[in-house]
Amino acid sequence: MSEVYSIFLSAVFSSFLVTMGIIVVIGSLYYLTFKCFASYISFDKIAQKRARNLKNAPSQENSIL
């Protein structure tokens, strides 16, 4: 019975380690993306560029036709 219990505990511990590893990877990606590179990534500029492209898209379609 103690062997089954030790296998169960090792499975729980390993799944806990895997879960913590996934959380660390996601957290570090979030930190690097939104904290470290925030000066390089300007979401306002991306939104303005997208709005400009959407505004110009119908006129470009009409000029092709």
PDB file of N, CA and C in Angstrom:
ATOM      1  N   MET A   1       0.828  -1.202   0.000  1.00  0.00           N
ATOM      2  CA  MET A   1       0.000   0.000   0.000  1.00  0.00           C
ATOM      3  C   MET A   1       0.865   1.256   0.000  1.00  0.00           C
ATOM      4  N   SER A   2       1.994   1.199   0.678  1.00  0.00           N
ATOM      5  CA  SER A   2       2.848   2.387   0.730  1.00  0.00           C
ATOM      6  C   SER A   2       3.472   2.674  -0.631  1.00  0.00           C
ATOM      7  N   GLU A   3       3.655   1.635  -1.469  1.00  0.00           N
ATOM      8  CA  GLU A   3       4.183   1.865  -2.813  1.00  0.00           C
ATOM      9  C   GLU A   3       3.186   2.645  -3.656  1.00  0.00           C
ATOM     10  N   VAL A   4       1.919   2.281  -3.546  1.00  0.00           N
ATOM     11  CA  VAL A   4       0.878   2.997  -4.290  1.00  0.00           C
ATOM     12  C   VAL A   4       0.811   4.441  -3.819  1.00  0.00           C
ATOM     13  N   TYR A   5       0.934   4.630  -2.523  1.00  0.00           N
ATOM     14  CA  TYR A   5       0.887   5.975  -1.958  1.00  0.00           C
ATOM     15  C   TYR A   5       2.086   6.802  -2.420  1.00  0.00           C
ATOM     16  N   SER A   6       3.252   6.197  -2.478  1.00  0.00           N
ATOM     17  CA  SER A   6       4.438   6.932  -2.923  1.00  0.00           C
ATOM     18  C   SER A   6       4.345   7.267  -4.405  1.00  0.00           C
ATOM     19  N   ILE A   7       3.782   6.359  -5.203  1.00  0.00           N
ATOM     20  CA  ILE A   7       3.579   6.648  -6.630  1.00  0.00           C
ATOM     21  C   ILE A   7       2.595   7.796  -6.789  1.00  0.00           C
ATOM     22  N   PHE A   8       1.527   7.771  -6.001  1.00  0.00           N
ATOM     23  CA  PHE A   8       0.541   8.851  -6.054  1.00  0.00           C
ATOM     24  C   PHE A   8       1.175  10.181  -5.675  1.00  0.00           C
ATOM     25  N   LEU A   9       1.978  10.193  -4.617  1.00  0.00           N
ATOM     26  CA  LEU A   9       2.630  11.435  -4.197  1.00  0.00           C
ATOM     27  C   LEU A   9       3.614  11.936  -5.241  1.00  0.00           C
ATOM     28  N   SER A  10       4.342  11.041  -5.869  1.00  0.00           N
ATOM     29  CA  SER A  10       5.287  11.474  -6.898  1.00  0.00           C
ATOM     30  C   SER A  10       4.546  12.023  -8.111  1.00  0.00           C
ATOM     31  N   ALA A  11       3.396  11.436  -8.453  1.00  0.00           N
ATOM     32  CA  ALA A  11       2.605  11.950  -9.572  1.00  0.00           C
ATOM     33  C   ALA A  11       2.062  13.334  -9.253  1.00  0.00           C
ATOM     34  N   VAL A  12       1.571  13.521  -8.037  1.00  0.00           N
ATOM     35  CA  VAL A  12       1.056  14.832  -7.637  1.00  0.00           C
ATOM     36  C   VAL A  12       2.174  15.864  -7.646  1.00  0.00           C
ATOM     37  N   PHE A  13       3.333  15.492  -7.127  1.00  0.00           N
ATOM     38  CA  PHE A  13       4.458  16.416  -7.075  1.00  0.00           C
ATOM     39  C   PHE A  13       4.950  16.772  -8.472  1.00  0.00           C
ATOM     40  N   SER A  14       5.022  15.787  -9.366  1.00  0.00           N
ATOM     41  CA  SER A  14       5.496  16.075 -10.716  1.00  0.00           C
ATOM     42  C   SER A  14       4.494  16.935 -11.476  1.00  0.00           C
ATOM     43  N   SER A  15       3.205  16.694 -11.289  1.00  0.00           N
ATOM     44  CA  SER A  15       2.214  17.541 -11.954  1.00  0.00           C
ATOM     45  C   SER A  15       2.250  18.954 -11.390  1.00  0.00           C
ATOM     46  N   PHE A  16       2.525  19.074 -10.100  1.00  0.00           N
ATOM     47  CA  PHE A  16       2.683  20.399  -9.501  1.00  0.00           C
ATOM     48  C   PHE A  16       3.878  21.121 -10.108  1.00  0.00           C
ATOM     49  N   LEU A  17       4.984  20.411 -10.289  1.00  0.00           N
ATOM     50  CA  LEU A  17       6.170  21.028 -10.891  1.00  0.00           C
ATOM     51  C   LEU A  17       5.911  21.449 -12.335  1.00  0.00           C
ATOM     52  N   VAL A  18       5.206  20.615 -13.090  1.00  0.00           N
ATOM     53  CA  VAL A  18       4.886  20.957 -14.478  1.00  0.00           C
ATOM     54  C   VAL A  18       3.992  22.187 -14.523  1.00  0.00           C
ATOM     55  N   THR A  19       2.990  22.234 -13.646  1.00  0.00           N
ATOM     56  CA  THR A  19       2.099  23.393 -13.599  1.00  0.00           C
ATOM     57  C   THR A  19       2.863  24.655 -13.232  1.00  0.00           C
ATOM     58  N   MET A  20       3.742  24.566 -12.261  1.00  0.00           N
ATOM     59  CA  MET A  20       4.543  25.735 -11.881  1.00  0.00           C
ATOM     60  C   MET A  20       5.466  26.161 -13.020  1.00  0.00           C
ATOM     61  N   GLY A  21       6.002  25.213 -13.760  1.00  0.00           N
ATOM     62  CA  GLY A  21       6.847  25.543 -14.905  1.00  0.00           C
ATOM     63  C   GLY A  21       6.082  26.282 -15.981  1.00  0.00           C
ATOM     64  N   ILE A  22       4.851  25.833 -16.251  1.00  0.00           N
ATOM     65  CA  ILE A  22       4.015  26.510 -17.245  1.00  0.00           C
ATOM     66  C   ILE A  22       3.696  27.922 -16.784  1.00  0.00           C
ATOM     67  N   ILE A  23       3.384  28.086 -15.502  1.00  0.00           N
ATOM     68  CA  ILE A  23       3.082  29.416 -14.970  1.00  0.00           C
ATOM     69  C   ILE A  23       4.302  30.323 -15.071  1.00  0.00           C
ATOM     70  N   VAL A  24       5.480  29.786 -14.797  1.00  0.00           N
ATOM     71  CA  VAL A  24       6.707  30.586 -14.891  1.00  0.00           C
ATOM     72  C   VAL A  24       6.961  31.011 -16.333  1.00  0.00           C
ATOM     73  N   VAL A  25       6.760  30.118 -17.287  1.00  0.00           N
ATOM     74  CA  VAL A  25       6.983  30.455 -18.696  1.00  0.00           C
ATOM     75  C   VAL A  25       6.008  31.529 -19.151  1.00  0.00           C
ATOM     76  N   ILE A  26       4.723  31.374 -18.819  1.00  0.00           N
ATOM     77  CA  ILE A  26       3.725  32.367 -19.220  1.00  0.00           C
ATOM     78  C   ILE A  26       3.997  33.697 -18.533  1.00  0.00           C
ATOM     79  N   GLY A  27       4.345  33.656 -17.263  1.00  0.00           N
ATOM     80  CA  GLY A  27       4.644  34.892 -16.540  1.00  0.00           C
ATOM     81  C   GLY A  27       5.855  35.605 -17.088  1.00  0.00           C
ATOM     82  N   SER A  28       6.895  34.864 -17.443  1.00  0.00           N
ATOM     83  CA  SER A  28       8.085  35.518 -17.985  1.00  0.00           C
ATOM     84  C   SER A  28       7.818  36.081 -19.372  1.00  0.00           C
ATOM     85  N   LEU A  29       7.022  35.377 -20.181  1.00  0.00           N
ATOM     86  CA  LEU A  29       6.654  35.929 -21.488  1.00  0.00           C
ATOM     87  C   LEU A  29       5.847  37.206 -21.328  1.00  0.00           C
ATOM     88  N   TYR A  30       4.906  37.208 -20.389  1.00  0.00           N
ATOM     89  CA  TYR A  30       4.120  38.415 -20.132  1.00  0.00           C
ATOM     90  C   TYR A  30       5.027  39.546 -19.678  1.00  0.00           C
ATOM     91  N   TYR A  31       5.924  39.251 -18.754  1.00  0.00           N
ATOM     92  CA  TYR A  31       6.811  40.290 -18.221  1.00  0.00           C
ATOM     93  C   TYR A  31       7.707  40.851 -19.319  1.00  0.00           C
ATOM     94  N   LEU A  32       8.298  39.969 -20.118  1.00  0.00           N
ATOM     95  CA  LEU A  32       9.184  40.445 -21.175  1.00  0.00           C
ATOM     96  C   LEU A  32       8.430  41.244 -22.228  1.00  0.00           C
ATOM     97  N   THR A  33       7.220  40.808 -22.558  1.00  0.00           N
ATOM     98  CA  THR A  33       6.474  41.477 -23.621  1.00  0.00           C
ATOM     99  C   THR A  33       5.948  42.826 -23.175  1.00  0.00           C
ATOM    100  N   PHE A  34       5.300  42.883 -22.031  1.00  0.00           N
ATOM    101  CA  PHE A  34       4.588  44.093 -21.647  1.00  0.00           C
ATOM    102  C   PHE A  34       5.381  45.004 -20.727  1.00  0.00           C
ATOM    103  N   LYS A  35       6.446  44.522 -20.109  1.00  0.00           N
ATOM    104  CA  LYS A  35       7.226  45.372 -19.210  1.00  0.00           C
ATOM    105  C   LYS A  35       8.539  45.804 -19.858  1.00  0.00           C
ATOM    106  N   CYS A  36       9.315  44.852 -20.341  1.00  0.00           N
ATOM    107  CA  CYS A  36      10.639  45.187 -20.875  1.00  0.00           C
ATOM    108  C   CYS A  36      10.552  45.843 -22.251  1.00  0.00           C
ATOM    109  N   PHE A  37       9.711  45.298 -23.132  1.00  0.00           N
ATOM    110  CA  PHE A  37       9.649  45.805 -24.494  1.00  0.00           C
ATOM    111  C   PHE A  37       8.472  46.739 -24.712  1.00  0.00           C
ATOM    112  N   ALA A  38       7.919  47.288 -23.645  1.00  0.00           N
ATOM    113  CA  ALA A  38       6.757  48.170 -23.790  1.00  0.00           C
ATOM    114  C   ALA A  38       7.121  49.432 -24.553  1.00  0.00           C
ATOM    115  N   SER A  39       8.369  49.879 -24.449  1.00  0.00           N
ATOM    116  CA  SER A  39       8.765  51.082 -25.176  1.00  0.00           C
ATOM    117  C   SER A  39       8.849  50.818 -26.674  1.00  0.00           C
ATOM    118  N   TYR A  40       9.105  49.564 -27.060  1.00  0.00           N
ATOM    119  CA  TYR A  40       9.184  49.237 -28.478  1.00  0.00           C
ATOM    120  C   TYR A  40       7.819  48.902 -29.065  1.00  0.00           C
ATOM    121  N   ILE A  41       6.917  48.435 -28.224  1.00  0.00           N
ATOM    122  CA  ILE A  41       5.585  48.054 -28.686  1.00  0.00           C
ATOM    123  C   ILE A  41       4.613  49.151 -28.277  1.00  0.00           C
ATOM    124  N   SER A  42       4.114  49.880 -29.234  1.00  0.00           N
ATOM    125  CA  SER A  42       3.127  50.912 -28.942  1.00  0.00           C
ATOM    126  C   SER A  42       1.798  50.473 -29.539  1.00  0.00           C
ATOM    127  N   PHE A  43       0.889  50.078 -28.666  1.00  0.00           N
ATOM    128  CA  PHE A  43      -0.387  49.578 -29.154  1.00  0.00           C
ATOM    129  C   PHE A  43      -1.230  50.697 -29.764  1.00  0.00           C
ATOM    130  N   ASP A  44      -1.006  51.932 -29.332  1.00  0.00           N
ATOM    131  CA  ASP A  44      -1.712  53.048 -29.950  1.00  0.00           C
ATOM    132  C   ASP A  44      -1.299  53.204 -31.406  1.00  0.00           C
ATOM    133  N   LYS A  45      -0.009  53.078 -31.682  1.00  0.00           N
ATOM    134  CA  LYS A  45       0.457  53.185 -33.067  1.00  0.00           C
ATOM    135  C   LYS A  45      -0.091  52.052 -33.916  1.00  0.00           C
ATOM    136  N   ILE A  46      -0.135  50.851 -33.346  1.00  0.00           N
ATOM    137  CA  ILE A  46      -0.679  49.709 -34.085  1.00  0.00           C
ATOM    138  C   ILE A  46      -2.159  49.932 -34.387  1.00  0.00           C
ATOM    139  N   ALA A  47      -2.904  50.440 -33.409  1.00  0.00           N
ATOM    140  CA  ALA A  47      -4.336  50.692 -33.614  1.00  0.00           C
ATOM    141  C   ALA A  47      -4.549  51.789 -34.645  1.00  0.00           C
ATOM    142  N   GLN A  48      -3.742  52.850 -34.607  1.00  0.00           N
ATOM    143  CA  GLN A  48      -3.878  53.927 -35.587  1.00  0.00           C
ATOM    144  C   GLN A  48      -3.557  53.426 -36.991  1.00  0.00           C
ATOM    145  N   LYS A  49      -2.516  52.616 -37.116  1.00  0.00           N
ATOM    146  CA  LYS A  49      -2.149  52.080 -38.422  1.00  0.00           C
ATOM    147  C   LYS A  49      -3.248  51.172 -38.957  1.00  0.00           C
ATOM    148  N   ARG A  50      -3.832  50.362 -38.081  1.00  0.00           N
ATOM    149  CA  ARG A  50      -4.905  49.464 -38.513  1.00  0.00           C
ATOM    150  C   ARG A  50      -6.139  50.259 -38.931  1.00  0.00           C
ATOM    151  N   ALA A  51      -6.473  51.306 -38.173  1.00  0.00           N
ATOM    152  CA  ALA A  51      -7.625  52.133 -38.531  1.00  0.00           C
ATOM    153  C   ALA A  51      -7.382  52.831 -39.861  1.00  0.00           C
ATOM    154  N   ARG A  52      -6.156  53.290 -40.077  1.00  0.00           N
ATOM    155  CA  ARG A  52      -5.817  53.945 -41.339  1.00  0.00           C
ATOM    156  C   ARG A  52      -5.926  52.962 -42.497  1.00  0.00           C
ATOM    157  N   ASN A  53      -5.462  51.730 -42.287  1.00  0.00           N
ATOM    158  CA  ASN A  53      -5.551  50.719 -43.341  1.00  0.00           C
ATOM    159  C   ASN A  53      -7.000  50.355 -43.639  1.00  0.00           C
ATOM    160  N   LEU A  54      -7.819  50.261 -42.591  1.00  0.00           N
ATOM    161  CA  LEU A  54      -9.230  49.944 -42.811  1.00  0.00           C
ATOM    162  C   LEU A  54      -9.949  51.088 -43.514  1.00  0.00           C
ATOM    163  N   LYS A  55      -9.551  52.316 -43.205  1.00  0.00           N
ATOM    164  CA  LYS A  55     -10.180  53.468 -43.842  1.00  0.00           C
ATOM    165  C   LYS A  55      -9.796  53.545 -45.320  1.00  0.00           C
ATOM    166  N   ASN A  56      -8.566  53.185 -45.643  1.00  0.00           N
ATOM    167  CA  ASN A  56      -8.092  53.257 -47.022  1.00  0.00           C
ATOM    168  C   ASN A  56      -8.474  52.031 -47.838  1.00  0.00           C
ATOM    169  N   ALA A  57      -8.880  50.970 -47.210  1.00  0.00           N
ATOM    170  CA  ALA A  57      -9.169  49.728 -47.919  1.00  0.00           C
ATOM    171  C   ALA A  57     -10.304  49.861 -48.937  1.00  0.00           C
ATOM    172  N   PRO A  58     -11.457  50.465 -48.620  1.00  0.00           N
ATOM    173  CA  PRO A  58     -12.523  50.557 -49.634  1.00  0.00           C
ATOM    174  C   PRO A  58     -12.114  51.392 -50.841  1.00  0.00           C
ATOM    175  N   SER A  59     -11.375  52.476 -50.650  1.00  0.00           N
ATOM    176  CA  SER A  59     -10.969  53.294 -51.785  1.00  0.00           C
ATOM    177  C   SER A  59      -9.989  52.537 -52.672  1.00  0.00           C
ATOM    178  N   GLN A  60      -9.152  51.709 -52.093  1.00  0.00           N
ATOM    179  CA  GLN A  60      -8.231  50.914 -52.893  1.00  0.00           C
ATOM    180  C   GLN A  60      -8.980  49.859 -53.694  1.00  0.00           C
ATOM    181  N   GLU A  61     -10.021  49.276 -53.116  1.00  0.00           N
ATOM    182  CA  GLU A  61     -10.798  48.281 -53.848  1.00  0.00           C
ATOM    183  C   GLU A  61     -11.503  48.928 -55.032  1.00  0.00           C
ATOM    184  N   ASN A  62     -12.045  50.134 -54.848  1.00  0.00           N
ATOM    185  CA  ASN A  62     -12.743  50.809 -55.930  1.00  0.00           C
ATOM    186  C   ASN A  62     -11.781  51.223 -57.033  1.00  0.00           C
ATOM    187  N   SER A  63     -10.568  51.611 -56.674  1.00  0.00           N
ATOM    188  CA  SER A  63      -9.620  52.026 -57.699  1.00  0.00           C
ATOM    189  C   SER A  63      -9.169  50.832 -58.539  1.00  0.00           C
ATOM    190  N   ILE A  64      -9.147  49.646 -57.957  1.00  0.00           N
ATOM    191  CA  ILE A  64      -8.769  48.458 -58.724  1.00  0.00           C
ATOM    192  C   ILE A  64      -9.867  48.111 -59.716  1.00  0.00           C
ATOM    193  N   LEU A  65     -11.114  48.234 -59.288  1.00  0.00           N
ATOM    194  CA  LEU A  65     -12.233  47.908 -60.177  1.00  0.00           C
ATOM    195  C   LEU A  65     -12.374  48.994 -61.211  1.00  0.00           C
TER     196      LEU A  65
END
